[in-house]
């Protein structure tokens, strides 16, 4: 068994927790996977990470700070919908995008020179609270910023990089590093067992950044299981929802993160992406990282020719800041 397949199996076992899955609500149509592979052609480099951090000339030789700033930003990903005090459902977006709203908030913090431990080291709560007043999960977002922005964090990310560095100078992140982030920052990266989407996304983003900066890196972690990839895979017919679950999603039912349907959708997404990864590597005789594959799958939603034959499905709505 190849290392890639061993890693996939370990990921599936970690994510699935079969006792918590409703096998009748979500299935995988494996026969549709081969027809998807020709559409997974590499595109231009994904440079979105550059918008997550300070100007690159400051960071390209300071890899621990790059890692730390990515953590400050990615720890805020998620929590686009929430219940207000009166119980009304509110959506936090900018120009129709939750990610743009988050990035605008971080841009404001950087512009005001208020990055914790970079620009300011004292009275962090007082200095940062007003940036989160009008955001969904504002209290939790501030707490996450304070948790990641401690004086010890830069040292933590320096040590994590050293642990991931191999003898040949390359970097390899794995599930243990993902779990380490969850343990060290329980609010920012640990409130989403067993998937730890934000921790996985951070390591995958660091993989992309390191490779684009001339290093060699790979993140052998779980595919980020949130809402977008399940939406795409269901539209392509690879994920199949039961009529009951499909109706709930189509009617805008708001799920809680503990809902077995949410766990099942996410676990089956991890398994489906693993199957796609294995099929891709067998067909093209090249290893593809989960970071690269996740990016290619995400871009499928913008492929009009492909999606014209697929169902335009709504995504699941989950009230949580954990993913």
C-alpha atoms as a PDB file:
ATOM      1  CA  UNK A   1       0.000   0.000   0.000  1.00  0.00           C
ATOM      2  CA  UNK A   2       1.406   3.403  -0.976  1.00  0.00           C
ATOM      3  CA  UNK A   3       2.000   6.101   1.660  1.00  0.00           C
ATOM      4  CA  UNK A   4      -0.703   8.176  -0.035  1.00  0.00           C
ATOM      5  CA  UNK A   5      -3.291   5.416   0.353  1.00  0.00           C
ATOM      6  CA  UNK A   6      -2.245   4.727   3.951  1.00  0.00           C
ATOM      7  CA  UNK A   7      -2.726   8.413   4.715  1.00  0.00           C
ATOM      8  CA  UNK A   8      -6.136   8.402   3.071  1.00  0.00           C
ATOM      9  CA  UNK A   9      -7.287   5.372   5.027  1.00  0.00           C
ATOM     10  CA  UNK A  10      -6.097   6.927   8.275  1.00  0.00           C
ATOM     11  CA  UNK A  11      -7.975  10.104   7.404  1.00  0.00           C
ATOM     12  CA  UNK A  12     -11.164   8.253   6.598  1.00  0.00           C
ATOM     13  CA  UNK A  13     -10.996   6.308   9.853  1.00  0.00           C
ATOM     14  CA  UNK A  14     -10.384   9.469  11.846  1.00  0.00           C
ATOM     15  CA  UNK A  15     -13.185  11.414  10.211  1.00  0.00           C
ATOM     16  CA  UNK A  16     -15.861   8.823   9.763  1.00  0.00           C
ATOM     17  CA  UNK A  17     -16.604   7.607  13.300  1.00  0.00           C
ATOM     18  CA  UNK A  18     -19.132   5.252  11.774  1.00  0.00           C
ATOM     19  CA  UNK A  19     -21.187   5.043  14.956  1.00  0.00           C
ATOM     20  CA  UNK A  20     -22.268   8.664  14.377  1.00  0.00           C
ATOM     21  CA  UNK A  21     -23.129   8.334  10.693  1.00  0.00           C
ATOM     22  CA  UNK A  22     -26.555   7.813   9.191  1.00  0.00           C
ATOM     23  CA  UNK A  23     -25.703   5.669   6.141  1.00  0.00           C
ATOM     24  CA  UNK A  24     -29.199   6.111   4.714  1.00  0.00           C
ATOM     25  CA  UNK A  25     -28.950   9.905   4.494  1.00  0.00           C
ATOM     26  CA  UNK A  26     -25.771  10.345   2.394  1.00  0.00           C
ATOM     27  CA  UNK A  27     -24.163   7.976  -0.083  1.00  0.00           C
ATOM     28  CA  UNK A  28     -21.284   8.073  -2.573  1.00  0.00           C
ATOM     29  CA  UNK A  29     -21.767   7.200  -6.246  1.00  0.00           C
ATOM     30  CA  UNK A  30     -18.300   5.864  -7.057  1.00  0.00           C
ATOM     31  CA  UNK A  31     -19.195   5.243 -10.686  1.00  0.00           C
ATOM     32  CA  UNK A  32     -19.356   8.994 -11.304  1.00  0.00           C
ATOM     33  CA  UNK A  33     -15.797   9.649 -10.126  1.00  0.00           C
ATOM     34  CA  UNK A  34     -13.962   8.612 -13.360  1.00  0.00           C
ATOM     35  CA  UNK A  35     -15.969  11.098 -15.451  1.00  0.00           C
ATOM     36  CA  UNK A  36     -14.924  13.885 -13.079  1.00  0.00           C
ATOM     37  CA  UNK A  37     -11.163  13.334 -13.420  1.00  0.00           C
ATOM     38  CA  UNK A  38     -10.651  15.012 -16.832  1.00  0.00           C
ATOM     39  CA  UNK A  39     -12.068  18.238 -15.398  1.00  0.00           C
ATOM     40  CA  UNK A  40      -9.464  18.330 -12.619  1.00  0.00           C
ATOM     41  CA  UNK A  41      -6.769  19.993 -14.694  1.00  0.00           C
ATOM     42  CA  UNK A  42      -4.281  22.301 -12.966  1.00  0.00           C
ATOM     43  CA  UNK A  43      -5.040  25.978 -13.322  1.00  0.00           C
ATOM     44  CA  UNK A  44      -3.120  29.119 -12.330  1.00  0.00           C
ATOM     45  CA  UNK A  45      -1.477  29.109  -8.882  1.00  0.00           C
ATOM     46  CA  UNK A  46      -3.792  29.818  -5.967  1.00  0.00           C
ATOM     47  CA  UNK A  47      -2.378  33.024  -4.492  1.00  0.00           C
ATOM     48  CA  UNK A  48      -5.371  33.902  -2.286  1.00  0.00           C
ATOM     49  CA  UNK A  49      -3.228  33.349   0.822  1.00  0.00           C
ATOM     50  CA  UNK A  50      -1.341  36.581   0.079  1.00  0.00           C
ATOM     51  CA  UNK A  51      -4.520  38.466   1.024  1.00  0.00           C
ATOM     52  CA  UNK A  52      -4.486  36.790   4.444  1.00  0.00           C
ATOM     53  CA  UNK A  53      -1.213  38.317   5.670  1.00  0.00           C
ATOM     54  CA  UNK A  54       0.939  41.424   5.713  1.00  0.00           C
ATOM     55  CA  UNK A  55       2.803  42.465   2.523  1.00  0.00           C
ATOM     56  CA  UNK A  56       4.878  39.550   1.341  1.00  0.00           C
ATOM     57  CA  UNK A  57       8.241  41.347   1.378  1.00  0.00           C
ATOM     58  CA  UNK A  58       7.923  41.452   5.168  1.00  0.00           C
ATOM     59  CA  UNK A  59       7.165  37.740   5.514  1.00  0.00           C
ATOM     60  CA  UNK A  60       8.913  35.762   2.791  1.00  0.00           C
ATOM     61  CA  UNK A  61      12.022  35.190   4.909  1.00  0.00           C
ATOM     62  CA  UNK A  62      10.190  35.126   8.254  1.00  0.00           C
ATOM     63  CA  UNK A  63       8.313  31.841   7.941  1.00  0.00           C
ATOM     64  CA  UNK A  64       7.189  31.598  11.615  1.00  0.00           C
ATOM     65  CA  UNK A  65       5.558  35.025  11.332  1.00  0.00           C
ATOM     66  CA  UNK A  66       3.937  33.995   8.041  1.00  0.00           C
ATOM     67  CA  UNK A  67       2.551  30.885   9.753  1.00  0.00           C
ATOM     68  CA  UNK A  68       1.346  32.976  12.691  1.00  0.00           C
ATOM     69  CA  UNK A  69      -0.395  35.582  10.518  1.00  0.00           C
ATOM     70  CA  UNK A  70      -2.092  32.857   8.481  1.00  0.00           C
ATOM     71  CA  UNK A  71      -3.309  31.382  11.772  1.00  0.00           C
ATOM     72  CA  UNK A  72      -4.720  34.732  12.916  1.00  0.00           C
ATOM     73  CA  UNK A  73      -6.732  34.981   9.697  1.00  0.00           C
ATOM     74  CA  UNK A  74      -7.808  31.383   9.105  1.00  0.00           C
ATOM     75  CA  UNK A  75      -8.866  30.953  12.740  1.00  0.00           C
ATOM     76  CA  UNK A  76     -11.588  33.502  11.905  1.00  0.00           C
ATOM     77  CA  UNK A  77     -12.944  31.556   8.917  1.00  0.00           C
ATOM     78  CA  UNK A  78     -16.487  30.335   9.426  1.00  0.00           C
ATOM     79  CA  UNK A  79     -19.400  31.682  11.424  1.00  0.00           C
ATOM     80  CA  UNK A  80     -21.099  33.410   8.523  1.00  0.00           C
ATOM     81  CA  UNK A  81     -24.599  32.867   9.913  1.00  0.00           C
ATOM     82  CA  UNK A  82     -25.753  33.182  13.508  1.00  0.00           C
ATOM     83  CA  UNK A  83     -28.834  33.758  15.604  1.00  0.00           C
ATOM     84  CA  UNK A  84     -29.165  37.277  16.935  1.00  0.00           C
ATOM     85  CA  UNK A  85     -30.291  38.005  20.487  1.00  0.00           C
ATOM     86  CA  UNK A  86     -33.908  38.040  19.378  1.00  0.00           C
ATOM     87  CA  UNK A  87     -33.507  34.676  17.689  1.00  0.00           C
ATOM     88  CA  UNK A  88     -33.468  36.106  14.163  1.00  0.00           C
ATOM     89  CA  UNK A  89     -31.009  34.491  11.756  1.00  0.00           C
ATOM     90  CA  UNK A  90     -28.396  36.979  10.588  1.00  0.00           C
ATOM     91  CA  UNK A  91     -25.844  36.592   7.797  1.00  0.00           C
ATOM     92  CA  UNK A  92     -22.458  38.310   7.888  1.00  0.00           C
ATOM     93  CA  UNK A  93     -21.154  39.056   4.403  1.00  0.00           C
ATOM     94  CA  UNK A  94     -19.397  41.697   2.363  1.00  0.00           C
ATOM     95  CA  UNK A  95     -20.204  41.908  -1.347  1.00  0.00           C
ATOM     96  CA  UNK A  96     -22.038  38.616  -0.955  1.00  0.00           C
ATOM     97  CA  UNK A  97     -19.088  36.788   0.613  1.00  0.00           C
ATOM     98  CA  UNK A  98     -18.382  35.800   4.204  1.00  0.00           C
ATOM     99  CA  UNK A  99     -14.678  35.398   3.457  1.00  0.00           C
ATOM    100  CA  UNK A 100     -14.536  38.969   2.128  1.00  0.00           C
ATOM    101  CA  UNK A 101     -16.120  40.171   5.367  1.00  0.00           C
ATOM    102  CA  UNK A 102     -13.483  38.378   7.414  1.00  0.00           C
ATOM    103  CA  UNK A 103     -10.614  39.609   5.252  1.00  0.00           C
ATOM    104  CA  UNK A 104     -11.919  43.188   5.441  1.00  0.00           C
ATOM    105  CA  UNK A 105     -11.899  42.937   9.237  1.00  0.00           C
ATOM    106  CA  UNK A 106      -8.315  41.660   9.272  1.00  0.00           C
ATOM    107  CA  UNK A 107      -7.293  44.338   6.768  1.00  0.00           C
ATOM    108  CA  UNK A 108      -8.704  46.983   9.107  1.00  0.00           C
ATOM    109  CA  UNK A 109      -6.712  45.540  12.013  1.00  0.00           C
ATOM    110  CA  UNK A 110      -3.511  45.578   9.959  1.00  0.00           C
ATOM    111  CA  UNK A 111      -4.180  49.082   8.609  1.00  0.00           C
ATOM    112  CA  UNK A 112      -4.636  50.388  12.149  1.00  0.00           C
ATOM    113  CA  UNK A 113      -1.417  48.633  13.198  1.00  0.00           C
ATOM    114  CA  UNK A 114      -3.196  46.496  15.770  1.00  0.00           C
ATOM    115  CA  UNK A 115      -1.921  42.996  14.956  1.00  0.00           C
ATOM    116  CA  UNK A 116      -1.401  41.271  18.328  1.00  0.00           C
ATOM    117  CA  UNK A 117       2.245  40.640  19.208  1.00  0.00           C
ATOM    118  CA  UNK A 118       3.328  42.350  15.969  1.00  0.00           C
ATOM    119  CA  UNK A 119       2.029  45.889  16.482  1.00  0.00           C
ATOM    120  CA  UNK A 120       0.569  45.758  19.995  1.00  0.00           C
ATOM    121  CA  UNK A 121       1.461  43.673  23.026  1.00  0.00           C
ATOM    122  CA  UNK A 122      -0.738  45.087  25.803  1.00  0.00           C
ATOM    123  CA  UNK A 123      -4.445  45.767  26.386  1.00  0.00           C
ATOM    124  CA  UNK A 124      -5.292  43.482  23.474  1.00  0.00           C
ATOM    125  CA  UNK A 125      -8.960  43.109  24.356  1.00  0.00           C
ATOM    126  CA  UNK A 126      -9.426  46.860  24.640  1.00  0.00           C
ATOM    127  CA  UNK A 127      -7.549  47.539  21.404  1.00  0.00           C
ATOM    128  CA  UNK A 128      -9.283  44.870  19.323  1.00  0.00           C
ATOM    129  CA  UNK A 129     -12.855  44.618  20.632  1.00  0.00           C
ATOM    130  CA  UNK A 130     -14.346  47.324  18.403  1.00  0.00           C
ATOM    131  CA  UNK A 131     -13.316  45.479  15.215  1.00  0.00           C
ATOM    132  CA  UNK A 132     -15.742  42.670  16.035  1.00  0.00           C
ATOM    133  CA  UNK A 133     -18.773  44.594  17.320  1.00  0.00           C
ATOM    134  CA  UNK A 134     -20.866  44.166  14.171  1.00  0.00           C
ATOM    135  CA  UNK A 135     -19.665  40.689  13.188  1.00  0.00           C
ATOM    136  CA  UNK A 136     -21.492  37.393  13.629  1.00  0.00           C
ATOM    137  CA  UNK A 137     -20.120  35.571  16.693  1.00  0.00           C
ATOM    138  CA  UNK A 138     -18.371  38.798  17.683  1.00  0.00           C
ATOM    139  CA  UNK A 139     -17.523  37.703  21.246  1.00  0.00           C
ATOM    140  CA  UNK A 140     -16.161  34.374  20.020  1.00  0.00           C
ATOM    141  CA  UNK A 141     -14.140  36.078  17.274  1.00  0.00           C
ATOM    142  CA  UNK A 142     -12.489  38.407  19.755  1.00  0.00           C
ATOM    143  CA  UNK A 143     -11.721  35.480  22.066  1.00  0.00           C
ATOM    144  CA  UNK A 144     -10.196  33.560  19.140  1.00  0.00           C
ATOM    145  CA  UNK A 145      -8.012  36.529  18.227  1.00  0.00           C
ATOM    146  CA  UNK A 146      -6.842  36.814  21.828  1.00  0.00           C
ATOM    147  CA  UNK A 147      -6.172  33.063  22.068  1.00  0.00           C
ATOM    148  CA  UNK A 148      -4.034  32.935  18.926  1.00  0.00           C
ATOM    149  CA  UNK A 149      -2.443  36.318  19.614  1.00  0.00           C
ATOM    150  CA  UNK A 150      -0.598  35.435  22.827  1.00  0.00           C
ATOM    151  CA  UNK A 151       3.109  36.214  23.334  1.00  0.00           C
ATOM    152  CA  UNK A 152       3.890  32.478  23.151  1.00  0.00           C
ATOM    153  CA  UNK A 153       2.266  31.900  19.763  1.00  0.00           C
ATOM    154  CA  UNK A 154       5.140  32.989  17.556  1.00  0.00           C
ATOM    155  CA  UNK A 155       7.346  30.493  19.377  1.00  0.00           C
ATOM    156  CA  UNK A 156       4.713  27.793  18.946  1.00  0.00           C
ATOM    157  CA  UNK A 157       4.570  28.259  15.185  1.00  0.00           C
ATOM    158  CA  UNK A 158       8.362  28.385  14.999  1.00  0.00           C
ATOM    159  CA  UNK A 159       8.516  25.045  16.807  1.00  0.00           C
ATOM    160  CA  UNK A 160       5.748  23.540  14.667  1.00  0.00           C
ATOM    161  CA  UNK A 161       7.666  24.475  11.534  1.00  0.00           C
ATOM    162  CA  UNK A 162      10.792  22.873  12.961  1.00  0.00           C
ATOM    163  CA  UNK A 163       8.857  19.691  13.744  1.00  0.00           C
ATOM    164  CA  UNK A 164       7.499  19.573  10.193  1.00  0.00           C
ATOM    165  CA  UNK A 165      10.916  20.099   8.586  1.00  0.00           C
ATOM    166  CA  UNK A 166      12.527  16.978   7.182  1.00  0.00           C
ATOM    167  CA  UNK A 167      16.195  16.151   6.713  1.00  0.00           C
ATOM    168  CA  UNK A 168      16.121  17.179   3.070  1.00  0.00           C
ATOM    169  CA  UNK A 169      14.815  20.645   4.008  1.00  0.00           C
ATOM    170  CA  UNK A 170      11.233  20.059   2.879  1.00  0.00           C
ATOM    171  CA  UNK A 171       8.189  20.397   5.122  1.00  0.00           C
ATOM    172  CA  UNK A 172       5.566  17.728   5.782  1.00  0.00           C
ATOM    173  CA  UNK A 173       2.520  18.443   7.931  1.00  0.00           C
ATOM    174  CA  UNK A 174       0.304  15.577   9.057  1.00  0.00           C
ATOM    175  CA  UNK A 175      -2.771  14.787  11.124  1.00  0.00           C
ATOM    176  CA  UNK A 176      -0.755  14.986  14.350  1.00  0.00           C
ATOM    177  CA  UNK A 177       0.154  18.600  13.592  1.00  0.00           C
ATOM    178  CA  UNK A 178      -3.522  19.262  12.917  1.00  0.00           C
ATOM    179  CA  UNK A 179      -4.454  17.741  16.275  1.00  0.00           C
ATOM    180  CA  UNK A 180      -1.649  19.702  17.920  1.00  0.00           C
ATOM    181  CA  UNK A 181      -3.172  22.961  16.701  1.00  0.00           C
ATOM    182  CA  UNK A 182      -6.552  21.856  18.054  1.00  0.00           C
ATOM    183  CA  UNK A 183      -5.059  21.121  21.483  1.00  0.00           C
ATOM    184  CA  UNK A 184      -2.937  24.285  21.675  1.00  0.00           C
ATOM    185  CA  UNK A 185      -5.739  26.596  20.498  1.00  0.00           C
ATOM    186  CA  UNK A 186      -8.961  24.868  21.582  1.00  0.00           C
ATOM    187  CA  UNK A 187     -11.277  27.758  20.746  1.00  0.00           C
ATOM    188  CA  UNK A 188      -9.653  28.731  17.452  1.00  0.00           C
ATOM    189  CA  UNK A 189      -8.902  25.274  16.063  1.00  0.00           C
ATOM    190  CA  UNK A 190     -10.276  22.686  18.468  1.00  0.00           C
ATOM    191  CA  UNK A 191     -14.052  23.149  18.518  1.00  0.00           C
ATOM    192  CA  UNK A 192     -14.635  20.926  15.512  1.00  0.00           C
ATOM    193  CA  UNK A 193     -13.728  17.339  16.372  1.00  0.00           C
ATOM    194  CA  UNK A 194     -12.976  15.153  14.526  1.00  0.00           C
ATOM    195  CA  UNK A 195     -12.620  17.181  11.352  1.00  0.00           C
ATOM    196  CA  UNK A 196     -10.780  20.277  12.656  1.00  0.00           C
ATOM    197  CA  UNK A 197     -11.484  22.034   9.376  1.00  0.00           C
ATOM    198  CA  UNK A 198      -9.725  25.293  10.216  1.00  0.00           C
ATOM    199  CA  UNK A 199      -6.592  23.528  11.493  1.00  0.00           C
ATOM    200  CA  UNK A 200      -6.471  21.420   8.340  1.00  0.00           C
ATOM    201  CA  UNK A 201      -7.024  24.477   6.152  1.00  0.00           C
ATOM    202  CA  UNK A 202      -4.220  26.344   7.917  1.00  0.00           C
ATOM    203  CA  UNK A 203      -1.719  23.558   7.241  1.00  0.00           C
ATOM    204  CA  UNK A 204      -2.860  23.226   3.632  1.00  0.00           C
ATOM    205  CA  UNK A 205      -2.556  26.984   3.124  1.00  0.00           C
ATOM    206  CA  UNK A 206       0.931  26.906   4.622  1.00  0.00           C
ATOM    207  CA  UNK A 207       1.771  24.148   2.139  1.00  0.00           C
ATOM    208  CA  UNK A 208       0.674  26.365  -0.745  1.00  0.00           C
ATOM    209  CA  UNK A 209       2.537  29.412   0.597  1.00  0.00           C
ATOM    210  CA  UNK A 210       5.786  27.532   1.212  1.00  0.00           C
ATOM    211  CA  UNK A 211       5.773  25.984  -2.247  1.00  0.00           C
ATOM    212  CA  UNK A 212       5.161  29.357  -3.889  1.00  0.00           C
ATOM    213  CA  UNK A 213       8.023  30.841  -1.875  1.00  0.00           C
ATOM    214  CA  UNK A 214      10.464  28.276  -3.283  1.00  0.00           C
ATOM    215  CA  UNK A 215      10.292  25.626  -0.573  1.00  0.00           C
ATOM    216  CA  UNK A 216       8.911  22.094  -0.841  1.00  0.00           C
ATOM    217  CA  UNK A 217       5.953  21.283   1.397  1.00  0.00           C
ATOM    218  CA  UNK A 218       2.953  18.984   1.641  1.00  0.00           C
ATOM    219  CA  UNK A 219       0.107  18.764   4.153  1.00  0.00           C
ATOM    220  CA  UNK A 220      -1.168  15.222   4.698  1.00  0.00           C
ATOM    221  CA  UNK A 221      -4.261  16.263   6.594  1.00  0.00           C
ATOM    222  CA  UNK A 222      -7.971  15.805   6.058  1.00  0.00           C
ATOM    223  CA  UNK A 223      -9.695  17.681   3.236  1.00  0.00           C
ATOM    224  CA  UNK A 224     -11.457  20.717   4.721  1.00  0.00           C
ATOM    225  CA  UNK A 225     -14.982  19.459   5.359  1.00  0.00           C
ATOM    226  CA  UNK A 226     -17.267  22.465   5.497  1.00  0.00           C
ATOM    227  CA  UNK A 227     -20.141  23.297   3.160  1.00  0.00           C
ATOM    228  CA  UNK A 228     -18.783  24.225  -0.287  1.00  0.00           C
ATOM    229  CA  UNK A 229     -17.225  20.918  -1.398  1.00  0.00           C
ATOM    230  CA  UNK A 230     -20.300  18.879  -0.322  1.00  0.00           C
ATOM    231  CA  UNK A 231     -22.434  21.301  -2.342  1.00  0.00           C
ATOM    232  CA  UNK A 232     -20.288  20.794  -5.443  1.00  0.00           C
ATOM    233  CA  UNK A 233     -20.055  17.018  -5.086  1.00  0.00           C
ATOM    234  CA  UNK A 234     -23.804  16.706  -4.578  1.00  0.00           C
ATOM    235  CA  UNK A 235     -24.410  18.812  -7.667  1.00  0.00           C
ATOM    236  CA  UNK A 236     -22.159  16.469  -9.646  1.00  0.00           C
ATOM    237  CA  UNK A 237     -24.016  13.428  -8.337  1.00  0.00           C
ATOM    238  CA  UNK A 238     -21.025  12.003  -6.468  1.00  0.00           C
ATOM    239  CA  UNK A 239     -22.666  12.665  -3.121  1.00  0.00           C
ATOM    240  CA  UNK A 240     -26.298  11.559  -2.966  1.00  0.00           C
ATOM    241  CA  UNK A 241     -28.554  12.913  -0.229  1.00  0.00           C
ATOM    242  CA  UNK A 242     -31.694  11.131   0.868  1.00  0.00           C
ATOM    243  CA  UNK A 243     -34.980  12.856  -0.152  1.00  0.00           C
ATOM    244  CA  UNK A 244     -35.544  13.921   3.465  1.00  0.00           C
ATOM    245  CA  UNK A 245     -32.091  15.485   3.835  1.00  0.00           C
ATOM    246  CA  UNK A 246     -32.219  17.017   0.354  1.00  0.00           C
ATOM    247  CA  UNK A 247     -35.536  18.682   1.184  1.00  0.00           C
ATOM    248  CA  UNK A 248     -34.142  20.083   4.431  1.00  0.00           C
ATOM    249  CA  UNK A 249     -31.131  21.610   2.676  1.00  0.00           C
ATOM    250  CA  UNK A 250     -33.232  22.922  -0.218  1.00  0.00           C
ATOM    251  CA  UNK A 251     -35.684  24.586   2.181  1.00  0.00           C
ATOM    252  CA  UNK A 252     -32.924  26.402   4.064  1.00  0.00           C
ATOM    253  CA  UNK A 253     -33.073  24.366   7.257  1.00  0.00           C
ATOM    254  CA  UNK A 254     -30.524  25.707   9.728  1.00  0.00           C
ATOM    255  CA  UNK A 255     -28.521  22.868  11.264  1.00  0.00           C
ATOM    256  CA  UNK A 256     -26.471  22.828  14.431  1.00  0.00           C
ATOM    257  CA  UNK A 257     -22.948  21.448  14.280  1.00  0.00           C
ATOM    258  CA  UNK A 258     -23.933  18.481  16.518  1.00  0.00           C
ATOM    259  CA  UNK A 259     -26.642  17.339  14.095  1.00  0.00           C
ATOM    260  CA  UNK A 260     -25.912  13.780  12.858  1.00  0.00           C
ATOM    261  CA  UNK A 261     -26.801  14.919   9.334  1.00  0.00           C
ATOM    262  CA  UNK A 262     -24.010  17.515   9.448  1.00  0.00           C
ATOM    263  CA  UNK A 263     -21.504  14.926  10.681  1.00  0.00           C
ATOM    264  CA  UNK A 264     -22.609  12.473   8.009  1.00  0.00           C
ATOM    265  CA  UNK A 265     -22.344  14.988   5.166  1.00  0.00           C
ATOM    266  CA  UNK A 266     -18.869  16.020   6.273  1.00  0.00           C
ATOM    267  CA  UNK A 267     -17.597  12.485   6.869  1.00  0.00           C
ATOM    268  CA  UNK A 268     -18.842  11.295   3.502  1.00  0.00           C
ATOM    269  CA  UNK A 269     -17.255  14.362   1.899  1.00  0.00           C
ATOM    270  CA  UNK A 270     -13.885  13.404   3.378  1.00  0.00           C
ATOM    271  CA  UNK A 271     -14.318   9.871   2.083  1.00  0.00           C
ATOM    272  CA  UNK A 272     -15.444  11.036  -1.366  1.00  0.00           C
ATOM    273  CA  UNK A 273     -12.473  13.405  -1.713  1.00  0.00           C
ATOM    274  CA  UNK A 274     -10.201  10.542  -0.634  1.00  0.00           C
ATOM    275  CA  UNK A 275     -11.666   8.323  -3.338  1.00  0.00           C
ATOM    276  CA  UNK A 276     -11.258  11.073  -5.934  1.00  0.00           C
ATOM    277  CA  UNK A 277      -7.638  11.575  -4.822  1.00  0.00           C
ATOM    278  CA  UNK A 278      -6.852   7.872  -5.135  1.00  0.00           C
ATOM    279  CA  UNK A 279      -8.553   7.651  -8.560  1.00  0.00           C
ATOM    280  CA  UNK A 280      -6.713  10.748  -9.790  1.00  0.00           C
ATOM    281  CA  UNK A 281      -3.330   9.394  -8.709  1.00  0.00           C
ATOM    282  CA  UNK A 282      -3.980   6.033 -10.328  1.00  0.00           C
ATOM    283  CA  UNK A 283      -5.129   7.575 -13.610  1.00  0.00           C
ATOM    284  CA  UNK A 284      -2.437  10.223 -13.966  1.00  0.00           C
ATOM    285  CA  UNK A 285       0.372   8.456 -12.092  1.00  0.00           C
ATOM    286  CA  UNK A 286       1.140  11.506  -9.983  1.00  0.00           C
ATOM    287  CA  UNK A 287       0.542  12.325  -6.338  1.00  0.00           C
ATOM    288  CA  UNK A 288      -1.832  15.209  -5.732  1.00  0.00           C
ATOM    289  CA  UNK A 289      -1.996  16.865  -2.331  1.00  0.00           C
ATOM    290  CA  UNK A 290      -5.308  17.511  -0.598  1.00  0.00           C
ATOM    291  CA  UNK A 291      -4.529  21.241  -0.817  1.00  0.00           C
ATOM    292  CA  UNK A 292      -4.223  21.097  -4.602  1.00  0.00           C
ATOM    293  CA  UNK A 293      -7.249  18.827  -4.980  1.00  0.00           C
ATOM    294  CA  UNK A 294      -9.387  20.980  -2.701  1.00  0.00           C
ATOM    295  CA  UNK A 295      -8.575  24.010  -4.844  1.00  0.00           C
ATOM    296  CA  UNK A 296      -9.424  22.187  -8.067  1.00  0.00           C
ATOM    297  CA  UNK A 297     -12.709  20.920  -6.660  1.00  0.00           C
ATOM    298  CA  UNK A 298     -13.645  24.383  -5.431  1.00  0.00           C
ATOM    299  CA  UNK A 299     -13.014  25.858  -8.875  1.00  0.00           C
ATOM    300  CA  UNK A 300     -15.418  23.358 -10.444  1.00  0.00           C
ATOM    301  CA  UNK A 301     -18.281  25.538  -9.213  1.00  0.00           C
ATOM    302  CA  UNK A 302     -17.102  28.213 -11.667  1.00  0.00           C
ATOM    303  CA  UNK A 303     -16.882  25.810 -14.606  1.00  0.00           C
ATOM    304  CA  UNK A 304     -20.037  26.684 -16.531  1.00  0.00           C
ATOM    305  CA  UNK A 305     -19.664  23.878 -19.063  1.00  0.00           C
ATOM    306  CA  UNK A 306     -19.411  21.211 -16.379  1.00  0.00           C
ATOM    307  CA  UNK A 307     -21.971  22.649 -13.980  1.00  0.00           C
ATOM    308  CA  UNK A 308     -24.514  23.156 -16.787  1.00  0.00           C
ATOM    309  CA  UNK A 309     -25.136  19.426 -16.634  1.00  0.00           C
ATOM    310  CA  UNK A 310     -25.044  19.333 -12.836  1.00  0.00           C
ATOM    311  CA  UNK A 311     -27.724  20.356 -10.402  1.00  0.00           C
ATOM    312  CA  UNK A 312     -27.163  23.762  -8.811  1.00  0.00           C
ATOM    313  CA  UNK A 313     -27.655  22.685  -5.209  1.00  0.00           C
ATOM    314  CA  UNK A 314     -27.858  24.953  -2.159  1.00  0.00           C
ATOM    315  CA  UNK A 315     -25.259  24.431   0.544  1.00  0.00           C
ATOM    316  CA  UNK A 316     -25.991  23.382   4.104  1.00  0.00           C
ATOM    317  CA  UNK A 317     -26.550  26.151   6.644  1.00  0.00           C
ATOM    318  CA  UNK A 318     -24.842  25.562   9.988  1.00  0.00           C
ATOM    319  CA  UNK A 319     -24.739  28.061  12.859  1.00  0.00           C
ATOM    320  CA  UNK A 320     -21.198  27.657  14.145  1.00  0.00           C
ATOM    321  CA  UNK A 321     -17.945  29.608  14.203  1.00  0.00           C
ATOM    322  CA  UNK A 322     -15.972  26.316  14.151  1.00  0.00           C
ATOM    323  CA  UNK A 323     -16.004  25.946  10.350  1.00  0.00           C
END
